C-alpha atoms as a PDB file:
ATOM      1  CA  UNK A   1       2.925 -44.988 -17.072  1.00  0.00           C
ATOM      2  CA  UNK A   2       2.219 -45.193 -13.414  1.00  0.00           C
ATOM      3  CA  UNK A   3      -1.351 -44.730 -12.297  1.00  0.00           C
ATOM      4  CA  UNK A   4      -0.649 -41.578 -10.204  1.00  0.00           C
ATOM      5  CA  UNK A   5       1.198 -39.700 -12.990  1.00  0.00           C
ATOM      6  CA  UNK A   6      -0.810 -37.295 -15.167  1.00  0.00           C
ATOM      7  CA  UNK A   7      -1.269 -38.156 -18.817  1.00  0.00           C
ATOM      8  CA  UNK A   8       0.497 -36.162 -21.522  1.00  0.00           C
ATOM      9  CA  UNK A   9      -2.758 -34.343 -22.271  1.00  0.00           C
ATOM     10  CA  UNK A  10      -3.221 -33.447 -18.577  1.00  0.00           C
ATOM     11  CA  UNK A  11       0.375 -32.194 -18.360  1.00  0.00           C
ATOM     12  CA  UNK A  12      -0.109 -30.076 -21.490  1.00  0.00           C
ATOM     13  CA  UNK A  13      -3.314 -28.571 -20.077  1.00  0.00           C
ATOM     14  CA  UNK A  14      -1.540 -27.769 -16.783  1.00  0.00           C
ATOM     15  CA  UNK A  15       1.298 -26.005 -18.624  1.00  0.00           C
ATOM     16  CA  UNK A  16      -1.221 -23.971 -20.654  1.00  0.00           C
ATOM     17  CA  UNK A  17      -3.091 -22.963 -17.487  1.00  0.00           C
ATOM     18  CA  UNK A  18       0.151 -21.894 -15.786  1.00  0.00           C
ATOM     19  CA  UNK A  19       1.162 -19.827 -18.830  1.00  0.00           C
ATOM     20  CA  UNK A  20      -2.274 -18.194 -18.938  1.00  0.00           C
ATOM     21  CA  UNK A  21      -1.967 -17.214 -15.256  1.00  0.00           C
ATOM     22  CA  UNK A  22       1.394 -15.505 -15.934  1.00  0.00           C
ATOM     23  CA  UNK A  23       0.099 -13.329 -18.774  1.00  0.00           C
ATOM     24  CA  UNK A  24      -0.475  -9.655 -18.049  1.00  0.00           C
ATOM     25  CA  UNK A  25      -4.137  -8.723 -17.772  1.00  0.00           C
ATOM     26  CA  UNK A  26      -5.598  -5.270 -17.405  1.00  0.00           C
ATOM     27  CA  UNK A  27      -7.688  -5.386 -14.219  1.00  0.00           C
ATOM     28  CA  UNK A  28      -8.048  -1.689 -13.366  1.00  0.00           C
ATOM     29  CA  UNK A  29      -7.545   1.649 -15.050  1.00  0.00           C
ATOM     30  CA  UNK A  30      -8.162   5.353 -14.887  1.00  0.00           C
ATOM     31  CA  UNK A  31      -8.809   8.359 -17.080  1.00  0.00           C
ATOM     32  CA  UNK A  32      -7.626  11.725 -15.843  1.00  0.00           C
ATOM     33  CA  UNK A  33      -5.630  14.795 -16.805  1.00  0.00           C
ATOM     34  CA  UNK A  34      -2.982  17.065 -15.370  1.00  0.00           C
ATOM     35  CA  UNK A  35      -2.461  20.816 -15.240  1.00  0.00           C
ATOM     36  CA  UNK A  36       0.842  21.878 -13.723  1.00  0.00           C
ATOM     37  CA  UNK A  37       1.281  20.075 -10.403  1.00  0.00           C
ATOM     38  CA  UNK A  38      -2.367  18.983 -10.224  1.00  0.00           C
ATOM     39  CA  UNK A  39      -3.738  15.633 -11.392  1.00  0.00           C
ATOM     40  CA  UNK A  40      -7.519  15.257 -11.710  1.00  0.00           C
ATOM     41  CA  UNK A  41      -9.150  11.822 -11.755  1.00  0.00           C
ATOM     42  CA  UNK A  42     -12.177  11.654 -14.023  1.00  0.00           C
ATOM     43  CA  UNK A  43     -13.241   8.015 -13.930  1.00  0.00           C
ATOM     44  CA  UNK A  44     -11.868   4.554 -13.365  1.00  0.00           C
ATOM     45  CA  UNK A  45     -12.785   0.913 -13.744  1.00  0.00           C
ATOM     46  CA  UNK A  46     -11.988  -2.437 -12.190  1.00  0.00           C
ATOM     47  CA  UNK A  47     -12.399  -6.000 -13.397  1.00  0.00           C
ATOM     48  CA  UNK A  48     -11.257  -7.760 -10.225  1.00  0.00           C
ATOM     49  CA  UNK A  49     -12.050  -7.313  -6.533  1.00  0.00           C
ATOM     50  CA  UNK A  50      -9.582  -4.919  -4.823  1.00  0.00           C
ATOM     51  CA  UNK A  51      -7.865  -4.079  -8.135  1.00  0.00           C
ATOM     52  CA  UNK A  52      -9.180  -0.514  -7.941  1.00  0.00           C
ATOM     53  CA  UNK A  53      -7.580   0.038  -4.539  1.00  0.00           C
ATOM     54  CA  UNK A  54      -4.240  -1.234  -5.838  1.00  0.00           C
ATOM     55  CA  UNK A  55      -4.570   0.903  -8.970  1.00  0.00           C
ATOM     56  CA  UNK A  56      -5.272   4.009  -6.872  1.00  0.00           C
ATOM     57  CA  UNK A  57      -2.336   3.268  -4.558  1.00  0.00           C
ATOM     58  CA  UNK A  58      -0.023   2.797  -7.549  1.00  0.00           C
ATOM     59  CA  UNK A  59      -1.319   5.965  -9.228  1.00  0.00           C
ATOM     60  CA  UNK A  60      -0.857   7.955  -6.025  1.00  0.00           C
ATOM     61  CA  UNK A  61       2.686   6.633  -5.759  1.00  0.00           C
ATOM     62  CA  UNK A  62       3.436   7.488  -9.389  1.00  0.00           C
ATOM     63  CA  UNK A  63       2.054  11.008  -8.936  1.00  0.00           C
ATOM     64  CA  UNK A  64       4.168  11.536  -5.840  1.00  0.00           C
ATOM     65  CA  UNK A  65       7.307  10.213  -7.516  1.00  0.00           C
ATOM     66  CA  UNK A  66       6.718  12.482 -10.529  1.00  0.00           C
ATOM     67  CA  UNK A  67       6.346  15.597  -8.386  1.00  0.00           C
ATOM     68  CA  UNK A  68       2.592  16.191  -8.311  1.00  0.00           C
ATOM     69  CA  UNK A  69       1.335  18.118  -5.282  1.00  0.00           C
ATOM     70  CA  UNK A  70      -2.445  17.926  -5.662  1.00  0.00           C
ATOM     71  CA  UNK A  71      -4.578  14.930  -6.626  1.00  0.00           C
ATOM     72  CA  UNK A  72      -8.182  15.947  -7.253  1.00  0.00           C
ATOM     73  CA  UNK A  73     -10.379  12.896  -6.715  1.00  0.00           C
ATOM     74  CA  UNK A  74     -13.631  14.803  -7.159  1.00  0.00           C
ATOM     75  CA  UNK A  75     -16.457  14.643  -4.668  1.00  0.00           C
ATOM     76  CA  UNK A  76     -15.821  12.818  -1.402  1.00  0.00           C
ATOM     77  CA  UNK A  77     -17.049   9.242  -1.234  1.00  0.00           C
ATOM     78  CA  UNK A  78     -16.572   6.624   1.483  1.00  0.00           C
ATOM     79  CA  UNK A  79     -14.103   4.497  -0.494  1.00  0.00           C
ATOM     80  CA  UNK A  80     -11.935   7.563  -1.203  1.00  0.00           C
ATOM     81  CA  UNK A  81     -11.949   8.564   2.448  1.00  0.00           C
ATOM     82  CA  UNK A  82     -11.096   4.966   3.430  1.00  0.00           C
ATOM     83  CA  UNK A  83      -8.050   5.197   1.144  1.00  0.00           C
ATOM     84  CA  UNK A  84      -6.879   8.396   2.858  1.00  0.00           C
ATOM     85  CA  UNK A  85      -8.435  11.172   0.795  1.00  0.00           C
ATOM     86  CA  UNK A  86      -8.896  14.454   2.660  1.00  0.00           C
ATOM     87  CA  UNK A  87     -11.827  16.704   1.819  1.00  0.00           C
ATOM     88  CA  UNK A  88     -11.158  20.395   1.184  1.00  0.00           C
ATOM     89  CA  UNK A  89     -13.346  23.447   1.541  1.00  0.00           C
ATOM     90  CA  UNK A  90     -13.837  25.145  -1.807  1.00  0.00           C
ATOM     91  CA  UNK A  91     -11.728  28.166  -0.833  1.00  0.00           C
ATOM     92  CA  UNK A  92      -8.835  25.899   0.224  1.00  0.00           C
ATOM     93  CA  UNK A  93      -9.092  23.904  -3.015  1.00  0.00           C
ATOM     94  CA  UNK A  94      -9.078  27.089  -5.138  1.00  0.00           C
ATOM     95  CA  UNK A  95      -5.967  28.271  -3.246  1.00  0.00           C
ATOM     96  CA  UNK A  96      -4.237  24.925  -3.988  1.00  0.00           C
ATOM     97  CA  UNK A  97      -5.157  25.175  -7.680  1.00  0.00           C
ATOM     98  CA  UNK A  98      -3.766  28.719  -7.917  1.00  0.00           C
ATOM     99  CA  UNK A  99      -0.598  27.662  -6.098  1.00  0.00           C
ATOM    100  CA  UNK A 100       0.191  24.534  -8.126  1.00  0.00           C
ATOM    101  CA  UNK A 101      -1.288  24.979 -11.614  1.00  0.00           C
ATOM    102  CA  UNK A 102       1.864  26.631 -12.971  1.00  0.00           C
ATOM    103  CA  UNK A 103       4.346  23.980 -11.860  1.00  0.00           C
ATOM    104  CA  UNK A 104       6.268  22.629 -14.829  1.00  0.00           C
ATOM    105  CA  UNK A 105       8.394  19.867 -13.295  1.00  0.00           C
ATOM    106  CA  UNK A 106       5.488  17.390 -13.112  1.00  0.00           C
ATOM    107  CA  UNK A 107       4.933  15.059 -16.039  1.00  0.00           C
ATOM    108  CA  UNK A 108       2.589  12.139 -16.609  1.00  0.00           C
ATOM    109  CA  UNK A 109       4.899   9.779 -18.429  1.00  0.00           C
ATOM    110  CA  UNK A 110       6.403   6.374 -17.830  1.00  0.00           C
ATOM    111  CA  UNK A 111       9.845   6.554 -16.250  1.00  0.00           C
ATOM    112  CA  UNK A 112      12.878   6.366 -18.539  1.00  0.00           C
ATOM    113  CA  UNK A 113      14.265   2.855 -18.924  1.00  0.00           C
ATOM    114  CA  UNK A 114      17.449   4.018 -17.185  1.00  0.00           C
ATOM    115  CA  UNK A 115      15.505   4.362 -13.911  1.00  0.00           C
ATOM    116  CA  UNK A 116      14.068   0.851 -13.990  1.00  0.00           C
ATOM    117  CA  UNK A 117      15.557  -1.972 -11.950  1.00  0.00           C
ATOM    118  CA  UNK A 118      17.613  -4.575 -13.815  1.00  0.00           C
ATOM    119  CA  UNK A 119      14.760  -7.075 -13.465  1.00  0.00           C
ATOM    120  CA  UNK A 120      12.234  -4.595 -14.874  1.00  0.00           C
ATOM    121  CA  UNK A 121      14.548  -3.540 -17.697  1.00  0.00           C
ATOM    122  CA  UNK A 122      15.191  -7.176 -18.671  1.00  0.00           C
ATOM    123  CA  UNK A 123      11.552  -8.168 -18.393  1.00  0.00           C
ATOM    124  CA  UNK A 124       9.916  -7.644 -21.784  1.00  0.00           C
ATOM    125  CA  UNK A 125       6.524  -7.292 -20.080  1.00  0.00           C
ATOM    126  CA  UNK A 126       7.657  -4.017 -18.477  1.00  0.00           C
ATOM    127  CA  UNK A 127       9.435  -2.553 -21.498  1.00  0.00           C
ATOM    128  CA  UNK A 128       6.325  -0.701 -22.672  1.00  0.00           C
ATOM    129  CA  UNK A 129       4.669  -0.069 -19.324  1.00  0.00           C
ATOM    130  CA  UNK A 130       7.409   1.202 -17.001  1.00  0.00           C
ATOM    131  CA  UNK A 131       7.193   0.172 -13.378  1.00  0.00           C
ATOM    132  CA  UNK A 132       4.605  -2.238 -12.032  1.00  0.00           C
ATOM    133  CA  UNK A 133       2.207  -1.315  -9.211  1.00  0.00           C
ATOM    134  CA  UNK A 134       4.255  -3.016  -6.481  1.00  0.00           C
ATOM    135  CA  UNK A 135       7.449  -1.196  -7.501  1.00  0.00           C
ATOM    136  CA  UNK A 136       5.711   2.198  -7.593  1.00  0.00           C
ATOM    137  CA  UNK A 137       4.193   1.699  -4.160  1.00  0.00           C
ATOM    138  CA  UNK A 138       7.473   0.394  -2.686  1.00  0.00           C
ATOM    139  CA  UNK A 139       9.425   3.363  -4.085  1.00  0.00           C
ATOM    140  CA  UNK A 140       6.872   5.836  -2.769  1.00  0.00           C
ATOM    141  CA  UNK A 141       6.989   4.254   0.692  1.00  0.00           C
ATOM    142  CA  UNK A 142      10.785   4.305   0.663  1.00  0.00           C
ATOM    143  CA  UNK A 143      10.719   7.976  -0.318  1.00  0.00           C
ATOM    144  CA  UNK A 144       8.243   8.768   2.459  1.00  0.00           C
ATOM    145  CA  UNK A 145      10.464   7.020   5.004  1.00  0.00           C
ATOM    146  CA  UNK A 146      13.618   8.747   3.772  1.00  0.00           C
ATOM    147  CA  UNK A 147      15.365   5.654   2.418  1.00  0.00           C
ATOM    148  CA  UNK A 148      15.354   6.817  -1.204  1.00  0.00           C
ATOM    149  CA  UNK A 149      16.711   9.919  -2.852  1.00  0.00           C
ATOM    150  CA  UNK A 150      15.299  11.951  -5.693  1.00  0.00           C
ATOM    151  CA  UNK A 151      11.718  12.914  -6.398  1.00  0.00           C
ATOM    152  CA  UNK A 152       9.507  15.717  -5.189  1.00  0.00           C
ATOM    153  CA  UNK A 153      10.950  16.082  -1.717  1.00  0.00           C
ATOM    154  CA  UNK A 154      14.523  16.920  -2.785  1.00  0.00           C
END
């Protein structure tokens, strides 16, 4: 072998490292519940820097796409405000709860496989999880800009 070529052992290690990087890893998550058109966040976690912000953006997109009108994030904190949360007076919040708690068209469930893109449907990694964070955010942005049909605004 030439001096500048990696050994078989080095090549094997490189392949293993590349495969490890491609594996799905849980880096952020959330526990919450829904009542009608209201989703309430209880707690969340992150294992990587900025993963929580991406998780919240993806969750917000999923809630919007599934027809939720109110997302209760609990007490106001700087990071929530930095992500666009708007504080409500108690009387306004109670009015929103009364208005949206009876909605029945909202459902916390992964999308049916028929709504996934061909790439997502063919990708075994997405078969159990539905859409990935990037897809959810992209679809929500497209919906907000009027370039997608369906969802809560129709």
